[in-house]
Amino acid sequence: VRLSAINHLSQYIDVVGLDDGDGNKWQGASLISLLGRLLDPAPEKNWRVRLIILHMMPKLSKLAPDCMASLFGLDAMDKKAQDGCSLIRHSWVDAVAQTAAQNEGGKHKWLEEFVVPVLEKQALEEKNYLQQVVLAYGLEQLAQHLPMPVVEGNLLPRCIALMASKVPNLRIQLASTFEAVARVVGGGARSNLQAKLQELTVDADVDVKEAAEASMGRLEAERVF
């Protein structure tokens, strides 16, 4: 029932926006109350409901930006980044990136307040590699939307530290992350990324080696390196 209700709300918003049908806009506390009841994922066990809630994030950030802190605040973001379903974790990063891309004016403040702290937590030693992938994939998708001091001085060093992981899939993701970040950072950080990618090209795992070589090849072809 809840999945159907959210889906119908999403389709309604696509057609008429946040309009009650009489030309009046839903807003303020009443809007937050309505959306909060539908979109609160805390007790929801159905992964499809949790997924469609994520799909609402970019839409609501554009139509109801004043509701974002209430609906998608730090606690909610933390739960999504650590969801037990890999599709939800991956989709959370994609939804955040889409939201940032369409909100160029205030993207830095929103990302730094509600997203960067969540990504930072995924680098902790007690986290398993599935959570650490969230950090690496998050930086890959969000580097172009974040201030360079946050990228170069905060998230990138945490990703570089993950190179010590024994999990090949994480190191493969790091190759993609380093490729994306190399396109947006300055000379010093770029040179460091070139060295780190070079290290991955001689990784003992053949799949990691191939991923790093492919990233190096693309960056060299684009004259990033």
C-alpha atoms as a PDB file:
ATOM      1  CA  VAL A   1       0.000   0.000   0.000  1.00  0.00           C
ATOM      2  CA  ARG A   2       2.751   2.431   0.946  1.00  0.00           C
ATOM      3  CA  LEU A   3       4.697   1.654  -2.223  1.00  0.00           C
ATOM      4  CA  SER A   4       1.616   2.362  -4.307  1.00  0.00           C
ATOM      5  CA  ALA A   5       0.917   5.612  -2.439  1.00  0.00           C
ATOM      6  CA  ILE A   6       4.454   6.922  -2.959  1.00  0.00           C
ATOM      7  CA  ASN A   7       4.416   5.874  -6.604  1.00  0.00           C
ATOM      8  CA  HIS A   8       1.143   7.705  -7.216  1.00  0.00           C
ATOM      9  CA  LEU A   9       2.458  10.779  -5.404  1.00  0.00           C
ATOM     10  CA  SER A  10       5.574  10.730  -7.570  1.00  0.00           C
ATOM     11  CA  GLN A  11       3.488  10.517 -10.740  1.00  0.00           C
ATOM     12  CA  TYR A  12       1.200  13.292  -9.483  1.00  0.00           C
ATOM     13  CA  ILE A  13       4.179  15.560  -8.847  1.00  0.00           C
ATOM     14  CA  ASP A  14       5.499  14.807 -12.333  1.00  0.00           C
ATOM     15  CA  VAL A  15       2.259  16.112 -13.826  1.00  0.00           C
ATOM     16  CA  VAL A  16       1.180  19.047 -11.642  1.00  0.00           C
ATOM     17  CA  GLY A  17       4.020  19.614  -9.177  1.00  0.00           C
ATOM     18  CA  LEU A  18       3.185  20.346  -5.562  1.00  0.00           C
ATOM     19  CA  ASP A  19      -0.221  21.764  -6.337  1.00  0.00           C
ATOM     20  CA  ASP A  20      -3.448  20.827  -4.592  1.00  0.00           C
ATOM     21  CA  GLY A  21      -5.480  21.095  -7.798  1.00  0.00           C
ATOM     22  CA  ASP A  22      -6.954  24.505  -6.950  1.00  0.00           C
ATOM     23  CA  GLY A  23      -3.810  26.464  -7.709  1.00  0.00           C
ATOM     24  CA  ASN A  24      -2.516  26.374  -4.143  1.00  0.00           C
ATOM     25  CA  LYS A  25       0.915  25.007  -3.376  1.00  0.00           C
ATOM     26  CA  TRP A  26       1.533  22.492  -0.622  1.00  0.00           C
ATOM     27  CA  GLN A  27       4.136  24.034   1.605  1.00  0.00           C
ATOM     28  CA  GLY A  28       5.445  24.518   5.107  1.00  0.00           C
ATOM     29  CA  ALA A  29       4.679  22.240   8.026  1.00  0.00           C
ATOM     30  CA  SER A  30       1.711  20.582   6.326  1.00  0.00           C
ATOM     31  CA  LEU A  31       3.866  19.509   3.374  1.00  0.00           C
ATOM     32  CA  ILE A  32       6.637  18.231   5.642  1.00  0.00           C
ATOM     33  CA  SER A  33       4.067  16.306   7.705  1.00  0.00           C
ATOM     34  CA  LEU A  34       2.516  14.701   4.627  1.00  0.00           C
ATOM     35  CA  LEU A  35       5.796  13.762   2.992  1.00  0.00           C
ATOM     36  CA  GLY A  36       7.356  12.708   6.278  1.00  0.00           C
ATOM     37  CA  ARG A  37       4.662  10.103   6.893  1.00  0.00           C
ATOM     38  CA  LEU A  38       5.061   8.662   3.423  1.00  0.00           C
ATOM     39  CA  LEU A  39       8.819   8.863   3.032  1.00  0.00           C
ATOM     40  CA  ASP A  40      10.143   8.013   6.488  1.00  0.00           C
ATOM     41  CA  PRO A  41      12.159   4.838   5.763  1.00  0.00           C
ATOM     42  CA  ALA A  42      13.016   3.940   9.357  1.00  0.00           C
ATOM     43  CA  PRO A  43      10.465   1.130   9.903  1.00  0.00           C
ATOM     44  CA  GLU A  44      10.295   0.046   6.262  1.00  0.00           C
ATOM     45  CA  LYS A  45      11.449  -3.498   5.514  1.00  0.00           C
ATOM     46  CA  ASN A  46      10.429  -3.523   1.854  1.00  0.00           C
ATOM     47  CA  TRP A  47      13.478  -2.602  -0.224  1.00  0.00           C
ATOM     48  CA  ARG A  48      11.233  -1.411  -3.065  1.00  0.00           C
ATOM     49  CA  VAL A  49       9.748   1.247  -0.817  1.00  0.00           C
ATOM     50  CA  ARG A  50      13.210   2.326   0.324  1.00  0.00           C
ATOM     51  CA  LEU A  51      14.284   2.545  -3.324  1.00  0.00           C
ATOM     52  CA  ILE A  52      11.363   4.650  -4.508  1.00  0.00           C
ATOM     53  CA  ILE A  53      11.956   7.014  -1.584  1.00  0.00           C
ATOM     54  CA  LEU A  54      15.455   7.604  -2.948  1.00  0.00           C
ATOM     55  CA  HIS A  55      14.042   8.291  -6.399  1.00  0.00           C
ATOM     56  CA  MET A  56      11.951  11.067  -4.826  1.00  0.00           C
ATOM     57  CA  MET A  57      15.008  12.879  -3.458  1.00  0.00           C
ATOM     58  CA  PRO A  58      16.077  14.804  -6.609  1.00  0.00           C
ATOM     59  CA  LYS A  59      12.459  15.621  -7.425  1.00  0.00           C
ATOM     60  CA  LEU A  60      11.690  17.042  -3.996  1.00  0.00           C
ATOM     61  CA  SER A  61      14.979  18.929  -3.767  1.00  0.00           C
ATOM     62  CA  LYS A  62      13.873  20.898  -6.807  1.00  0.00           C
ATOM     63  CA  LEU A  63      10.210  21.413  -5.911  1.00  0.00           C
ATOM     64  CA  ALA A  64      10.401  21.567  -2.107  1.00  0.00           C
ATOM     65  CA  PRO A  65      13.980  22.488  -1.085  1.00  0.00           C
ATOM     66  CA  ASP A  66      12.830  23.674   2.342  1.00  0.00           C
ATOM     67  CA  CYS A  67      11.788  20.103   3.169  1.00  0.00           C
ATOM     68  CA  MET A  68      15.137  18.491   2.393  1.00  0.00           C
ATOM     69  CA  ALA A  69      16.666  18.883   5.847  1.00  0.00           C
ATOM     70  CA  SER A  70      13.615  17.266   7.442  1.00  0.00           C
ATOM     71  CA  LEU A  71      13.174  14.454   4.939  1.00  0.00           C
ATOM     72  CA  PHE A  72      16.775  13.760   3.987  1.00  0.00           C
ATOM     73  CA  GLY A  73      18.788  14.935   6.966  1.00  0.00           C
ATOM     74  CA  LEU A  74      21.995  13.452   8.332  1.00  0.00           C
ATOM     75  CA  ASP A  75      20.391  10.507  10.143  1.00  0.00           C
ATOM     76  CA  ALA A  76      18.302   9.530   7.125  1.00  0.00           C
ATOM     77  CA  MET A  77      21.292   9.766   4.813  1.00  0.00           C
ATOM     78  CA  ASP A  78      23.391   7.658   7.159  1.00  0.00           C
ATOM     79  CA  LYS A  79      20.774   4.893   7.149  1.00  0.00           C
ATOM     80  CA  LYS A  80      20.604   4.895   3.355  1.00  0.00           C
ATOM     81  CA  ALA A  81      24.380   4.731   2.958  1.00  0.00           C
ATOM     82  CA  GLN A  82      24.523   1.738   5.315  1.00  0.00           C
ATOM     83  CA  ASP A  83      21.430  -0.050   4.018  1.00  0.00           C
ATOM     84  CA  GLY A  84      21.678  -3.825   3.956  1.00  0.00           C
ATOM     85  CA  CYS A  85      20.695  -3.867   0.273  1.00  0.00           C
ATOM     86  CA  SER A  86      23.536  -3.051  -2.148  1.00  0.00           C
ATOM     87  CA  LEU A  87      21.087  -1.580  -4.676  1.00  0.00           C
ATOM     88  CA  ILE A  88      19.903   0.942  -2.078  1.00  0.00           C
ATOM     89  CA  ARG A  89      23.455   1.979  -1.184  1.00  0.00           C
ATOM     90  CA  HIS A  90      24.380   2.410  -4.844  1.00  0.00           C
ATOM     91  CA  SER A  91      21.132   4.227  -5.630  1.00  0.00           C
ATOM     92  CA  TRP A  92      21.662   6.547  -2.679  1.00  0.00           C
ATOM     93  CA  VAL A  93      24.897   7.806  -4.227  1.00  0.00           C
ATOM     94  CA  ASP A  94      23.216   8.193  -7.622  1.00  0.00           C
ATOM     95  CA  ALA A  95      20.298  10.117  -6.098  1.00  0.00           C
ATOM     96  CA  VAL A  96      22.644  12.417  -4.198  1.00  0.00           C
ATOM     97  CA  ALA A  97      24.668  13.088  -7.367  1.00  0.00           C
ATOM     98  CA  GLN A  98      21.516  13.839  -9.350  1.00  0.00           C
ATOM     99  CA  THR A  99      20.285  16.148  -6.612  1.00  0.00           C
ATOM    100  CA  ALA A 100      23.613  17.986  -6.520  1.00  0.00           C
ATOM    101  CA  ALA A 101      23.703  18.348 -10.314  1.00  0.00           C
ATOM    102  CA  GLN A 102      20.333  20.092 -10.452  1.00  0.00           C
ATOM    103  CA  ASN A 103      20.987  22.355  -7.469  1.00  0.00           C
ATOM    104  CA  GLU A 104      24.168  24.088  -8.551  1.00  0.00           C
ATOM    105  CA  GLY A 105      23.596  27.147  -6.387  1.00  0.00           C
ATOM    106  CA  GLY A 106      23.425  25.500  -2.965  1.00  0.00           C
ATOM    107  CA  LYS A 107      25.009  22.149  -3.665  1.00  0.00           C
ATOM    108  CA  HIS A 108      28.167  22.664  -1.609  1.00  0.00           C
ATOM    109  CA  LYS A 109      26.360  23.509   1.615  1.00  0.00           C
ATOM    110  CA  TRP A 110      23.884  20.639   1.285  1.00  0.00           C
ATOM    111  CA  LEU A 111      26.554  18.091   0.396  1.00  0.00           C
ATOM    112  CA  GLU A 112      28.942  19.202   3.127  1.00  0.00           C
ATOM    113  CA  GLU A 113      26.236  19.154   5.801  1.00  0.00           C
ATOM    114  CA  PHE A 114      24.332  15.969   4.973  1.00  0.00           C
ATOM    115  CA  VAL A 115      26.508  13.842   2.675  1.00  0.00           C
ATOM    116  CA  VAL A 116      30.223  14.348   3.331  1.00  0.00           C
ATOM    117  CA  PRO A 117      30.011  13.281   7.014  1.00  0.00           C
ATOM    118  CA  VAL A 118      28.227  10.101   5.937  1.00  0.00           C
ATOM    119  CA  LEU A 119      30.895   9.310   3.358  1.00  0.00           C
ATOM    120  CA  GLU A 120      33.645   9.945   5.891  1.00  0.00           C
ATOM    121  CA  LYS A 121      32.178   7.353   8.264  1.00  0.00           C
ATOM    122  CA  GLN A 122      32.399   4.649   5.603  1.00  0.00           C
ATOM    123  CA  ALA A 123      36.212   4.738   5.764  1.00  0.00           C
ATOM    124  CA  LEU A 124      36.373   3.633   9.403  1.00  0.00           C
ATOM    125  CA  GLU A 125      38.360   0.457  10.001  1.00  0.00           C
ATOM    126  CA  GLU A 126      35.434  -1.371  11.554  1.00  0.00           C
ATOM    127  CA  LYS A 127      33.406  -0.947   8.370  1.00  0.00           C
ATOM    128  CA  ASN A 128      33.361  -3.839   5.945  1.00  0.00           C
ATOM    129  CA  TYR A 129      34.311  -3.330   2.329  1.00  0.00           C
ATOM    130  CA  LEU A 130      30.688  -3.002   1.231  1.00  0.00           C
ATOM    131  CA  GLN A 131      30.411   0.236   3.202  1.00  0.00           C
ATOM    132  CA  GLN A 132      33.859   1.363   2.094  1.00  0.00           C
ATOM    133  CA  VAL A 133      32.751   1.001  -1.531  1.00  0.00           C
ATOM    134  CA  VAL A 134      30.087   3.611  -0.758  1.00  0.00           C
ATOM    135  CA  LEU A 135      32.835   6.126   0.023  1.00  0.00           C
ATOM    136  CA  ALA A 136      34.791   5.275  -3.119  1.00  0.00           C
ATOM    137  CA  TYR A 137      31.764   5.322  -5.410  1.00  0.00           C
ATOM    138  CA  GLY A 138      30.460   8.437  -3.690  1.00  0.00           C
ATOM    139  CA  LEU A 139      33.659  10.334  -4.347  1.00  0.00           C
ATOM    140  CA  GLU A 140      33.679   9.156  -7.968  1.00  0.00           C
ATOM    141  CA  GLN A 141      30.197  10.548  -8.541  1.00  0.00           C
ATOM    142  CA  LEU A 142      30.413  13.681  -6.383  1.00  0.00           C
ATOM    143  CA  ALA A 143      33.954  14.996  -6.894  1.00  0.00           C
ATOM    144  CA  GLN A 144      32.815  17.461  -9.545  1.00  0.00           C
ATOM    145  CA  HIS A 145      30.162  18.870  -7.197  1.00  0.00           C
ATOM    146  CA  LEU A 146      32.311  19.291  -4.073  1.00  0.00           C
ATOM    147  CA  PRO A 147      34.762  22.047  -3.120  1.00  0.00           C
ATOM    148  CA  MET A 148      38.311  21.011  -3.948  1.00  0.00           C
ATOM    149  CA  PRO A 149      39.512  21.300  -0.323  1.00  0.00           C
ATOM    150  CA  VAL A 150      36.927  18.685   0.650  1.00  0.00           C
ATOM    151  CA  VAL A 151      37.938  16.413  -2.220  1.00  0.00           C
ATOM    152  CA  GLU A 152      41.722  16.768  -1.941  1.00  0.00           C
ATOM    153  CA  GLY A 153      42.098  17.156   1.799  1.00  0.00           C
ATOM    154  CA  ASN A 154      39.269  15.064   3.151  1.00  0.00           C
ATOM    155  CA  LEU A 155      37.693  12.333   1.030  1.00  0.00           C
ATOM    156  CA  LEU A 156      40.548  11.512  -1.338  1.00  0.00           C
ATOM    157  CA  PRO A 157      43.065  10.616   1.403  1.00  0.00           C
ATOM    158  CA  ARG A 158      40.492   8.276   2.919  1.00  0.00           C
ATOM    159  CA  CYS A 159      40.031   6.573  -0.435  1.00  0.00           C
ATOM    160  CA  ILE A 160      43.772   6.251  -0.978  1.00  0.00           C
ATOM    161  CA  ALA A 161      44.058   4.549   2.407  1.00  0.00           C
ATOM    162  CA  LEU A 162      41.592   1.917   1.181  1.00  0.00           C
ATOM    163  CA  MET A 163      44.165   0.699  -1.351  1.00  0.00           C
ATOM    164  CA  ALA A 164      45.461  -1.531   1.447  1.00  0.00           C
ATOM    165  CA  SER A 165      42.210  -3.510   1.333  1.00  0.00           C
ATOM    166  CA  LYS A 166      42.504  -7.197   0.529  1.00  0.00           C
ATOM    167  CA  VAL A 167      39.218  -7.091  -1.408  1.00  0.00           C
ATOM    168  CA  PRO A 168      39.806  -6.841  -5.189  1.00  0.00           C
ATOM    169  CA  ASN A 169      36.351  -5.411  -5.890  1.00  0.00           C
ATOM    170  CA  LEU A 170      37.097  -2.440  -3.668  1.00  0.00           C
ATOM    171  CA  ARG A 171      40.409  -1.812  -5.412  1.00  0.00           C
ATOM    172  CA  ILE A 172      38.653  -2.022  -8.791  1.00  0.00           C
ATOM    173  CA  GLN A 173      36.257   0.674  -7.618  1.00  0.00           C
ATOM    174  CA  LEU A 174      39.200   2.772  -6.458  1.00  0.00           C
ATOM    175  CA  ALA A 175      40.622   2.720  -9.986  1.00  0.00           C
ATOM    176  CA  SER A 176      37.372   4.234 -11.256  1.00  0.00           C
ATOM    177  CA  THR A 177      37.337   6.725  -8.398  1.00  0.00           C
ATOM    178  CA  PHE A 178      40.886   7.877  -9.048  1.00  0.00           C
ATOM    179  CA  GLU A 179      40.110   8.280 -12.745  1.00  0.00           C
ATOM    180  CA  ALA A 180      37.102  10.500 -12.050  1.00  0.00           C
ATOM    181  CA  VAL A 181      38.851  12.580  -9.402  1.00  0.00           C
ATOM    182  CA  ALA A 182      41.954  13.091 -11.564  1.00  0.00           C
ATOM    183  CA  ARG A 183      39.804  15.026 -14.032  1.00  0.00           C
ATOM    184  CA  VAL A 184      38.783  17.666 -11.494  1.00  0.00           C
ATOM    185  CA  VAL A 185      41.692  18.134  -9.032  1.00  0.00           C
ATOM    186  CA  GLY A 186      44.781  20.312  -9.252  1.00  0.00           C
ATOM    187  CA  GLY A 187      48.306  19.412 -10.294  1.00  0.00           C
ATOM    188  CA  GLY A 188      49.678  18.076  -7.012  1.00  0.00           C
ATOM    189  CA  ALA A 189      46.715  15.837  -6.278  1.00  0.00           C
ATOM    190  CA  ARG A 190      46.605  14.757  -9.907  1.00  0.00           C
ATOM    191  CA  SER A 191      50.233  13.666  -9.811  1.00  0.00           C
ATOM    192  CA  ASN A 192      49.529  11.696  -6.649  1.00  0.00           C
ATOM    193  CA  LEU A 193      46.597   9.972  -8.327  1.00  0.00           C
ATOM    194  CA  GLN A 194      48.760   9.100 -11.300  1.00  0.00           C
ATOM    195  CA  ALA A 195      51.198   7.390  -8.949  1.00  0.00           C
ATOM    196  CA  LYS A 196      48.399   5.543  -7.143  1.00  0.00           C
ATOM    197  CA  LEU A 197      46.873   4.335 -10.388  1.00  0.00           C
ATOM    198  CA  GLN A 198      50.317   3.195 -11.484  1.00  0.00           C
ATOM    199  CA  GLU A 199      50.514   1.122  -8.313  1.00  0.00           C
ATOM    200  CA  LEU A 200      47.200  -0.500  -9.162  1.00  0.00           C
ATOM    201  CA  THR A 201      48.445  -1.402 -12.664  1.00  0.00           C
ATOM    202  CA  VAL A 202      50.852  -3.856 -11.039  1.00  0.00           C
ATOM    203  CA  ASP A 203      48.274  -5.227  -8.591  1.00  0.00           C
ATOM    204  CA  ALA A 204      48.451  -8.960  -7.947  1.00  0.00           C
ATOM    205  CA  ASP A 205      44.800  -9.333  -8.975  1.00  0.00           C
ATOM    206  CA  VAL A 206      44.393  -9.392 -12.753  1.00  0.00           C
ATOM    207  CA  ASP A 207      40.994  -7.669 -12.691  1.00  0.00           C
ATOM    208  CA  VAL A 208      42.331  -4.793 -10.587  1.00  0.00           C
ATOM    209  CA  LYS A 209      45.323  -4.537 -12.908  1.00  0.00           C
ATOM    210  CA  GLU A 210      43.100  -4.384 -16.003  1.00  0.00           C
ATOM    211  CA  ALA A 211      40.780  -1.779 -14.445  1.00  0.00           C
ATOM    212  CA  ALA A 212      43.726   0.444 -13.506  1.00  0.00           C
ATOM    213  CA  GLU A 213      45.326   0.095 -16.934  1.00  0.00           C
ATOM    214  CA  ALA A 214      42.043   1.050 -18.603  1.00  0.00           C
ATOM    215  CA  SER A 215      41.718   4.127 -16.375  1.00  0.00           C
ATOM    216  CA  MET A 216      45.310   5.143 -17.058  1.00  0.00           C
ATOM    217  CA  GLY A 217      44.772   4.693 -20.781  1.00  0.00           C
ATOM    218  CA  ARG A 218      41.698   6.912 -20.854  1.00  0.00           C
ATOM    219  CA  LEU A 219      43.346   9.639 -18.801  1.00  0.00           C
ATOM    220  CA  GLU A 220      46.449   9.588 -20.965  1.00  0.00           C
ATOM    221  CA  ALA A 221      44.321   9.752 -24.112  1.00  0.00           C
ATOM    222  CA  GLU A 222      42.537  12.791 -22.679  1.00  0.00           C
ATOM    223  CA  ARG A 223      45.912  14.289 -21.707  1.00  0.00           C
ATOM    224  CA  VAL A 224      44.900  14.494 -18.075  1.00  0.00           C
ATOM    225  CA  PHE A 225      48.206  12.807 -17.266  1.00  0.00           C
END
